[in-house]
């Protein structure tokens, strides 16, 4: 996973695109500044459509120190969203949308929308789609 940034939108908000955010706190602050400097443009977006929302939430959970699945002693797994990492990820998104107003009001994004240049879906920051298959999903020899 990574974070895509729009260098022009960073500059328009007085931010240095050569020094992008490295923490979620910095992402949130940059998103707020970008949204304020560019009315109608989301400072941050996260994909939600076409099976993208689930893996985006899982990645965001991991980034906040949580896990959505644990392996049991008997070899089975238990999945849950009831963990501190998921709660922190969802709280951050809630605050970015409703407190900072840095996510705009359109939340129906998928991979294609995050890479278009049309104004309704422009965003300064967005997580990209995964670029590799996780090792637990790869076939074994």
N, C-alpha and C. Protein backbone atom coordinates (compact mmCIF):
# COMPACT_ATOMS: atom_id res chain seq x y z
N UNK A 1 0.85 -1.18 0.00
CA UNK A 1 0.00 0.00 0.00
C UNK A 1 0.89 1.24 0.00
N UNK A 2 0.33 2.28 -0.45
CA UNK A 2 1.02 3.56 -0.48
C UNK A 2 0.00 4.68 -0.48
N UNK A 3 0.47 5.87 -0.67
CA UNK A 3 -0.40 7.03 -0.69
C UNK A 3 -0.10 7.81 -1.94
N UNK A 4 -1.10 7.98 -2.81
CA UNK A 4 -0.93 8.81 -4.00
C UNK A 4 -1.19 10.25 -3.60
N UNK A 5 -0.39 11.17 -4.11
CA UNK A 5 -0.65 12.59 -3.85
C UNK A 5 -0.75 13.33 -5.17
N UNK A 6 -1.50 14.41 -5.15
CA UNK A 6 -1.63 15.30 -6.30
C UNK A 6 -0.71 16.49 -6.01
N UNK A 7 0.41 16.55 -6.69
CA UNK A 7 1.43 17.57 -6.41
C UNK A 7 0.88 18.99 -6.59
N UNK A 8 0.04 19.20 -7.61
CA UNK A 8 -0.52 20.53 -7.84
C UNK A 8 -1.40 20.96 -6.68
N UNK A 9 -2.23 20.05 -6.18
CA UNK A 9 -3.10 20.40 -5.05
C UNK A 9 -2.28 20.64 -3.78
N UNK A 10 -1.21 19.90 -3.60
CA UNK A 10 -0.33 20.16 -2.44
C UNK A 10 0.23 21.58 -2.53
N UNK A 11 0.74 21.93 -3.70
CA UNK A 11 1.31 23.28 -3.87
C UNK A 11 0.26 24.35 -3.64
N UNK A 12 -0.96 24.13 -4.14
CA UNK A 12 -2.02 25.14 -4.01
C UNK A 12 -2.37 25.42 -2.56
N UNK A 13 -2.08 24.47 -1.68
CA UNK A 13 -2.36 24.64 -0.25
C UNK A 13 -1.12 25.07 0.53
N UNK A 14 -0.05 25.38 -0.18
CA UNK A 14 1.17 25.82 0.49
C UNK A 14 1.98 24.67 1.08
N UNK A 15 1.71 23.44 0.61
CA UNK A 15 2.44 22.27 1.11
C UNK A 15 3.51 21.87 0.10
N UNK A 16 4.55 21.25 0.57
CA UNK A 16 5.66 20.81 -0.27
C UNK A 16 5.42 19.38 -0.73
N UNK A 17 5.14 19.16 -2.02
CA UNK A 17 4.89 17.79 -2.48
C UNK A 17 6.13 16.89 -2.41
N UNK A 18 7.30 17.48 -2.23
CA UNK A 18 8.51 16.68 -2.06
C UNK A 18 8.68 16.21 -0.62
N UNK A 19 7.80 16.65 0.26
CA UNK A 19 7.79 16.21 1.66
C UNK A 19 6.36 15.80 2.01
N UNK A 20 5.90 14.68 1.43
CA UNK A 20 4.52 14.25 1.67
C UNK A 20 4.33 13.76 3.10
N UNK A 21 3.09 13.63 3.52
CA UNK A 21 2.81 13.16 4.88
C UNK A 21 3.40 11.77 5.12
N UNK A 22 3.85 11.56 6.34
CA UNK A 22 4.40 10.24 6.70
C UNK A 22 3.63 9.59 7.85
N UNK A 23 2.67 10.31 8.43
CA UNK A 23 1.83 9.75 9.49
C UNK A 23 0.37 10.08 9.16
N UNK A 24 -0.54 9.36 9.80
CA UNK A 24 -1.96 9.66 9.58
C UNK A 24 -2.32 11.05 10.10
N UNK A 25 -1.67 11.51 11.14
CA UNK A 25 -1.90 12.87 11.64
C UNK A 25 -1.51 13.89 10.57
N UNK A 26 -0.37 13.65 9.91
CA UNK A 26 0.07 14.55 8.85
C UNK A 26 -0.86 14.46 7.63
N UNK A 27 -1.34 13.27 7.30
CA UNK A 27 -2.29 13.13 6.18
C UNK A 27 -3.54 13.94 6.48
N UNK A 28 -4.04 13.82 7.69
CA UNK A 28 -5.26 14.54 8.07
C UNK A 28 -5.05 16.06 8.00
N UNK A 29 -3.93 16.55 8.49
CA UNK A 29 -3.65 17.98 8.46
C UNK A 29 -3.49 18.48 7.02
N UNK A 30 -2.77 17.73 6.20
CA UNK A 30 -2.61 18.12 4.80
C UNK A 30 -3.96 18.13 4.09
N UNK A 31 -4.78 17.11 4.34
CA UNK A 31 -6.10 17.04 3.72
C UNK A 31 -6.95 18.24 4.10
N UNK A 32 -6.90 18.64 5.35
CA UNK A 32 -7.66 19.81 5.80
C UNK A 32 -7.21 21.06 5.06
N UNK A 33 -5.90 21.26 4.98
CA UNK A 33 -5.36 22.45 4.31
C UNK A 33 -5.73 22.46 2.82
N UNK A 34 -5.64 21.31 2.19
CA UNK A 34 -5.94 21.22 0.76
C UNK A 34 -7.42 21.49 0.51
N UNK A 35 -8.29 20.92 1.32
CA UNK A 35 -9.73 21.15 1.15
C UNK A 35 -10.08 22.62 1.37
N UNK A 36 -9.44 23.25 2.34
CA UNK A 36 -9.71 24.67 2.60
C UNK A 36 -9.23 25.55 1.43
N UNK A 37 -8.09 25.21 0.85
CA UNK A 37 -7.51 26.01 -0.23
C UNK A 37 -8.17 25.75 -1.58
N UNK A 38 -8.90 24.65 -1.70
CA UNK A 38 -9.50 24.25 -2.98
C UNK A 38 -10.96 23.86 -2.79
N UNK A 39 -11.86 24.82 -2.66
CA UNK A 39 -13.27 24.49 -2.44
C UNK A 39 -13.78 23.50 -3.49
N UNK A 40 -14.50 22.50 -3.00
CA UNK A 40 -15.07 21.50 -3.88
C UNK A 40 -14.14 20.33 -4.19
N UNK A 41 -12.92 20.36 -3.65
CA UNK A 41 -11.96 19.29 -3.88
C UNK A 41 -11.69 18.59 -2.55
N UNK A 42 -11.75 17.28 -2.57
CA UNK A 42 -11.44 16.52 -1.36
C UNK A 42 -9.94 16.53 -1.11
N UNK A 43 -9.55 16.75 0.12
CA UNK A 43 -8.14 16.68 0.49
C UNK A 43 -7.69 15.25 0.66
N UNK A 44 -8.65 14.35 0.88
CA UNK A 44 -8.35 12.93 1.04
C UNK A 44 -9.56 12.14 0.58
N UNK A 45 -9.32 11.04 -0.06
CA UNK A 45 -10.40 10.14 -0.44
C UNK A 45 -9.95 8.71 -0.22
N UNK A 46 -10.92 7.87 0.03
CA UNK A 46 -10.64 6.45 0.21
C UNK A 46 -11.67 5.68 -0.59
N UNK A 47 -11.21 4.70 -1.34
CA UNK A 47 -12.11 3.95 -2.21
C UNK A 47 -13.15 3.15 -1.40
N UNK A 48 -14.35 3.02 -2.01
CA UNK A 48 -15.45 2.35 -1.32
C UNK A 48 -16.21 1.39 -2.20
N UNK A 49 -16.12 1.51 -3.52
CA UNK A 49 -16.95 0.73 -4.44
C UNK A 49 -16.19 -0.45 -5.04
N UNK A 50 -16.98 -1.35 -5.64
CA UNK A 50 -16.44 -2.45 -6.42
C UNK A 50 -15.39 -3.25 -5.65
N UNK A 51 -15.74 -3.64 -4.46
CA UNK A 51 -14.89 -4.47 -3.61
C UNK A 51 -13.60 -3.79 -3.16
N UNK A 52 -13.56 -2.45 -3.19
CA UNK A 52 -12.36 -1.76 -2.73
C UNK A 52 -12.47 -1.34 -1.26
N UNK A 53 -13.68 -1.12 -0.78
CA UNK A 53 -13.86 -0.61 0.58
C UNK A 53 -13.34 -1.55 1.65
N UNK A 54 -13.54 -2.84 1.48
CA UNK A 54 -13.10 -3.80 2.49
C UNK A 54 -11.60 -3.84 2.66
N UNK A 55 -10.86 -3.96 1.54
CA UNK A 55 -9.42 -4.03 1.70
C UNK A 55 -8.84 -2.69 2.10
N UNK A 56 -9.52 -1.58 1.75
CA UNK A 56 -9.06 -0.27 2.21
C UNK A 56 -9.19 -0.18 3.74
N UNK A 57 -10.32 -0.66 4.28
CA UNK A 57 -10.50 -0.64 5.73
C UNK A 57 -9.50 -1.56 6.42
N UNK A 58 -9.25 -2.73 5.85
CA UNK A 58 -8.28 -3.64 6.45
C UNK A 58 -6.89 -3.00 6.46
N UNK A 59 -6.48 -2.41 5.36
CA UNK A 59 -5.17 -1.76 5.31
C UNK A 59 -5.09 -0.60 6.30
N UNK A 60 -6.17 0.16 6.39
CA UNK A 60 -6.21 1.28 7.34
C UNK A 60 -6.18 0.75 8.78
N UNK A 61 -6.84 -0.37 9.03
CA UNK A 61 -6.80 -1.01 10.35
C UNK A 61 -5.37 -1.40 10.69
N UNK A 62 -4.68 -2.05 9.74
CA UNK A 62 -3.28 -2.44 9.97
C UNK A 62 -2.43 -1.21 10.27
N UNK A 63 -2.65 -0.13 9.51
CA UNK A 63 -1.87 1.10 9.70
C UNK A 63 -2.11 1.72 11.07
N UNK A 64 -3.23 1.40 11.68
CA UNK A 64 -3.54 1.90 13.02
C UNK A 64 -3.26 0.85 14.10
N UNK A 65 -2.49 -0.16 13.75
CA UNK A 65 -2.05 -1.14 14.75
C UNK A 65 -3.00 -2.30 15.02
N UNK A 66 -4.08 -2.41 14.26
CA UNK A 66 -5.05 -3.47 14.50
C UNK A 66 -4.90 -4.64 13.54
N UNK A 67 -5.64 -5.67 13.80
CA UNK A 67 -5.71 -6.83 12.93
C UNK A 67 -7.17 -7.26 12.85
N UNK A 68 -7.58 -7.72 11.68
CA UNK A 68 -8.98 -8.12 11.51
C UNK A 68 -9.13 -9.63 11.56
N UNK A 69 -8.04 -10.35 11.70
CA UNK A 69 -8.12 -11.80 11.76
C UNK A 69 -7.01 -12.33 12.66
N UNK A 70 -7.37 -13.31 13.48
CA UNK A 70 -6.37 -13.98 14.31
C UNK A 70 -6.46 -15.48 14.04
N UNK A 71 -5.32 -16.12 14.11
CA UNK A 71 -5.28 -17.57 13.93
C UNK A 71 -5.47 -18.24 15.27
N UNK A 72 -6.35 -19.23 15.29
CA UNK A 72 -6.62 -19.98 16.51
C UNK A 72 -5.68 -21.18 16.59
N UNK A 73 -5.53 -21.73 17.78
CA UNK A 73 -4.65 -22.87 18.00
C UNK A 73 -5.03 -24.08 17.14
N UNK A 74 -6.31 -24.21 16.82
CA UNK A 74 -6.75 -25.36 16.03
C UNK A 74 -6.59 -25.16 14.52
N UNK A 75 -5.98 -24.05 14.12
CA UNK A 75 -5.75 -23.78 12.70
C UNK A 75 -6.84 -22.99 12.03
N UNK A 76 -7.94 -22.75 12.71
CA UNK A 76 -9.00 -21.92 12.15
C UNK A 76 -8.66 -20.46 12.41
N UNK A 77 -9.44 -19.59 11.82
CA UNK A 77 -9.22 -18.15 12.01
C UNK A 77 -10.49 -17.49 12.50
N UNK A 78 -10.33 -16.44 13.25
CA UNK A 78 -11.44 -15.64 13.73
C UNK A 78 -11.29 -14.24 13.15
N UNK A 79 -12.33 -13.76 12.49
CA UNK A 79 -12.32 -12.42 11.92
C UNK A 79 -13.20 -11.49 12.75
N UNK A 80 -12.76 -10.26 12.90
CA UNK A 80 -13.53 -9.29 13.65
C UNK A 80 -13.12 -7.87 13.24
N UNK A 81 -14.04 -6.97 13.32
CA UNK A 81 -13.74 -5.55 13.16
C UNK A 81 -13.72 -4.85 14.51
N UNK A 82 -14.00 -5.61 15.56
CA UNK A 82 -14.06 -5.06 16.91
C UNK A 82 -12.65 -5.08 17.53
N UNK A 83 -11.81 -4.13 17.08
CA UNK A 83 -10.46 -4.01 17.62
C UNK A 83 -10.07 -2.54 17.60
N UNK A 84 -9.07 -2.20 18.37
CA UNK A 84 -8.68 -0.80 18.51
C UNK A 84 -8.23 -0.18 17.19
N UNK A 85 -7.55 -0.94 16.33
CA UNK A 85 -7.07 -0.40 15.06
C UNK A 85 -8.20 -0.02 14.12
N UNK A 86 -9.21 -0.89 14.00
CA UNK A 86 -10.36 -0.58 13.15
C UNK A 86 -11.12 0.61 13.71
N UNK A 87 -11.31 0.62 15.02
CA UNK A 87 -12.02 1.75 15.64
C UNK A 87 -11.27 3.06 15.41
N UNK A 88 -9.93 3.05 15.51
CA UNK A 88 -9.14 4.26 15.28
C UNK A 88 -9.23 4.70 13.82
N UNK A 89 -9.18 3.74 12.89
CA UNK A 89 -9.29 4.06 11.46
C UNK A 89 -10.64 4.69 11.15
N UNK A 90 -11.70 4.10 11.65
CA UNK A 90 -13.04 4.63 11.40
C UNK A 90 -13.24 5.98 12.08
N UNK A 91 -12.70 6.16 13.25
CA UNK A 91 -12.79 7.45 13.94
C UNK A 91 -12.08 8.54 13.16
N UNK A 92 -10.89 8.21 12.62
CA UNK A 92 -10.16 9.18 11.82
C UNK A 92 -10.97 9.59 10.59
N UNK A 93 -11.53 8.61 9.89
CA UNK A 93 -12.34 8.92 8.72
C UNK A 93 -13.56 9.76 9.08
N UNK A 94 -14.19 9.43 10.19
CA UNK A 94 -15.36 10.20 10.65
C UNK A 94 -14.95 11.65 10.92
N UNK A 95 -13.85 11.84 11.61
CA UNK A 95 -13.40 13.21 11.94
C UNK A 95 -12.98 13.97 10.69
N UNK A 96 -12.31 13.28 9.75
CA UNK A 96 -11.92 13.96 8.51
C UNK A 96 -13.14 14.41 7.73
N UNK A 97 -14.19 13.59 7.74
CA UNK A 97 -15.41 13.95 7.00
C UNK A 97 -16.22 15.01 7.73
N UNK A 98 -16.50 14.79 9.01
CA UNK A 98 -17.48 15.63 9.71
C UNK A 98 -16.87 16.75 10.53
N UNK A 99 -15.64 16.62 11.01
CA UNK A 99 -15.01 17.70 11.78
C UNK A 99 -14.16 18.59 10.88
N UNK A 100 -13.30 17.97 10.08
CA UNK A 100 -12.38 18.72 9.22
C UNK A 100 -13.00 19.10 7.88
N UNK A 101 -14.01 18.36 7.45
CA UNK A 101 -14.62 18.51 6.12
C UNK A 101 -13.56 18.41 5.02
N UNK A 102 -12.61 17.50 5.21
CA UNK A 102 -11.51 17.37 4.25
C UNK A 102 -11.72 16.24 3.26
N UNK A 103 -12.84 15.52 3.37
CA UNK A 103 -13.09 14.41 2.45
C UNK A 103 -14.19 14.72 1.44
N UNK A 104 -14.72 15.89 1.46
CA UNK A 104 -15.79 16.23 0.54
C UNK A 104 -17.07 15.48 0.89
N UNK A 105 -17.99 15.39 -0.07
CA UNK A 105 -19.26 14.72 0.21
C UNK A 105 -19.54 13.56 -0.73
N UNK A 106 -18.65 13.28 -1.68
CA UNK A 106 -18.83 12.15 -2.59
C UNK A 106 -17.94 11.01 -2.10
N UNK A 107 -18.55 9.88 -1.75
CA UNK A 107 -17.78 8.77 -1.21
C UNK A 107 -17.85 7.53 -2.08
N UNK A 108 -18.35 7.66 -3.29
CA UNK A 108 -18.51 6.51 -4.16
C UNK A 108 -17.33 6.43 -5.13
N UNK A 109 -16.19 5.98 -4.62
CA UNK A 109 -14.97 5.91 -5.40
C UNK A 109 -14.51 4.47 -5.58
N UNK A 110 -13.85 4.23 -6.68
CA UNK A 110 -13.14 2.96 -6.88
C UNK A 110 -11.80 3.31 -7.52
N UNK A 111 -11.06 2.30 -7.94
CA UNK A 111 -9.71 2.57 -8.46
C UNK A 111 -9.75 3.53 -9.64
N UNK A 112 -10.69 3.38 -10.55
CA UNK A 112 -10.75 4.26 -11.71
C UNK A 112 -11.00 5.70 -11.30
N UNK A 113 -11.89 5.92 -10.33
CA UNK A 113 -12.21 7.28 -9.90
C UNK A 113 -11.02 7.97 -9.26
N UNK A 114 -10.19 7.22 -8.55
CA UNK A 114 -9.07 7.85 -7.84
C UNK A 114 -7.98 8.30 -8.79
N UNK A 115 -7.99 7.85 -10.04
CA UNK A 115 -6.95 8.23 -10.97
C UNK A 115 -7.43 9.18 -12.05
N UNK A 116 -8.74 9.48 -12.10
CA UNK A 116 -9.27 10.43 -13.07
C UNK A 116 -8.88 11.84 -12.67
N UNK A 117 -8.92 12.73 -13.63
CA UNK A 117 -8.58 14.12 -13.35
C UNK A 117 -9.81 15.03 -13.36
N UNK A 118 -10.99 14.46 -13.45
CA UNK A 118 -12.19 15.28 -13.46
C UNK A 118 -12.43 15.89 -12.08
N UNK A 119 -12.89 17.11 -12.05
CA UNK A 119 -13.03 17.85 -10.81
C UNK A 119 -13.87 17.15 -9.74
N UNK A 120 -14.99 16.50 -10.05
CA UNK A 120 -15.79 15.92 -8.97
C UNK A 120 -15.07 14.84 -8.17
N UNK A 121 -14.05 14.20 -8.74
CA UNK A 121 -13.37 13.15 -7.99
C UNK A 121 -11.92 13.51 -7.68
N UNK A 122 -11.52 14.73 -7.95
CA UNK A 122 -10.14 15.10 -7.65
C UNK A 122 -9.91 15.06 -6.16
N UNK A 123 -8.78 14.56 -5.81
CA UNK A 123 -8.39 14.46 -4.42
C UNK A 123 -6.89 14.63 -4.34
N UNK A 124 -6.42 15.16 -3.23
CA UNK A 124 -4.99 15.33 -3.05
C UNK A 124 -4.33 14.05 -2.62
N UNK A 125 -4.99 13.25 -1.81
CA UNK A 125 -4.41 12.02 -1.27
C UNK A 125 -5.39 10.88 -1.42
N UNK A 126 -4.90 9.74 -1.82
CA UNK A 126 -5.74 8.55 -1.84
C UNK A 126 -4.85 7.33 -1.81
N UNK A 127 -5.25 6.29 -1.04
CA UNK A 127 -4.48 5.06 -1.07
C UNK A 127 -4.69 4.34 -2.39
N UNK A 128 -3.63 3.78 -2.97
CA UNK A 128 -3.78 3.06 -4.22
C UNK A 128 -4.22 1.62 -4.01
N UNK A 129 -4.55 0.98 -5.09
CA UNK A 129 -4.87 -0.45 -5.03
C UNK A 129 -3.58 -1.23 -4.75
N UNK A 130 -3.70 -2.42 -4.18
CA UNK A 130 -2.49 -3.21 -3.94
C UNK A 130 -1.84 -3.58 -5.27
N UNK A 131 -0.53 -3.63 -5.28
CA UNK A 131 0.19 -3.90 -6.51
C UNK A 131 0.76 -5.31 -6.55
N UNK A 132 0.53 -6.08 -5.51
CA UNK A 132 1.03 -7.45 -5.52
C UNK A 132 0.04 -8.34 -4.77
N UNK A 133 0.17 -9.62 -5.00
CA UNK A 133 -0.68 -10.58 -4.30
C UNK A 133 -0.03 -10.91 -2.97
N UNK A 134 -0.75 -10.80 -1.86
CA UNK A 134 -0.16 -11.16 -0.57
C UNK A 134 0.37 -12.58 -0.60
N UNK A 135 1.44 -12.85 0.13
CA UNK A 135 2.09 -14.16 0.04
C UNK A 135 1.17 -15.29 0.47
N UNK A 136 0.18 -15.04 1.36
CA UNK A 136 -0.70 -16.11 1.78
C UNK A 136 -1.71 -16.48 0.69
N UNK A 137 -1.82 -15.67 -0.35
CA UNK A 137 -2.73 -15.97 -1.47
C UNK A 137 -2.00 -16.55 -2.68
N UNK A 138 -0.69 -16.57 -2.66
CA UNK A 138 0.07 -17.07 -3.81
C UNK A 138 0.09 -18.59 -3.82
N UNK A 139 0.01 -19.17 -5.01
CA UNK A 139 0.09 -20.63 -5.09
C UNK A 139 1.48 -21.10 -4.67
N UNK A 140 1.52 -22.25 -4.07
CA UNK A 140 2.81 -22.83 -3.69
C UNK A 140 3.28 -23.78 -4.77
N UNK A 141 4.57 -23.98 -4.84
CA UNK A 141 5.14 -24.84 -5.89
C UNK A 141 4.87 -26.30 -5.62
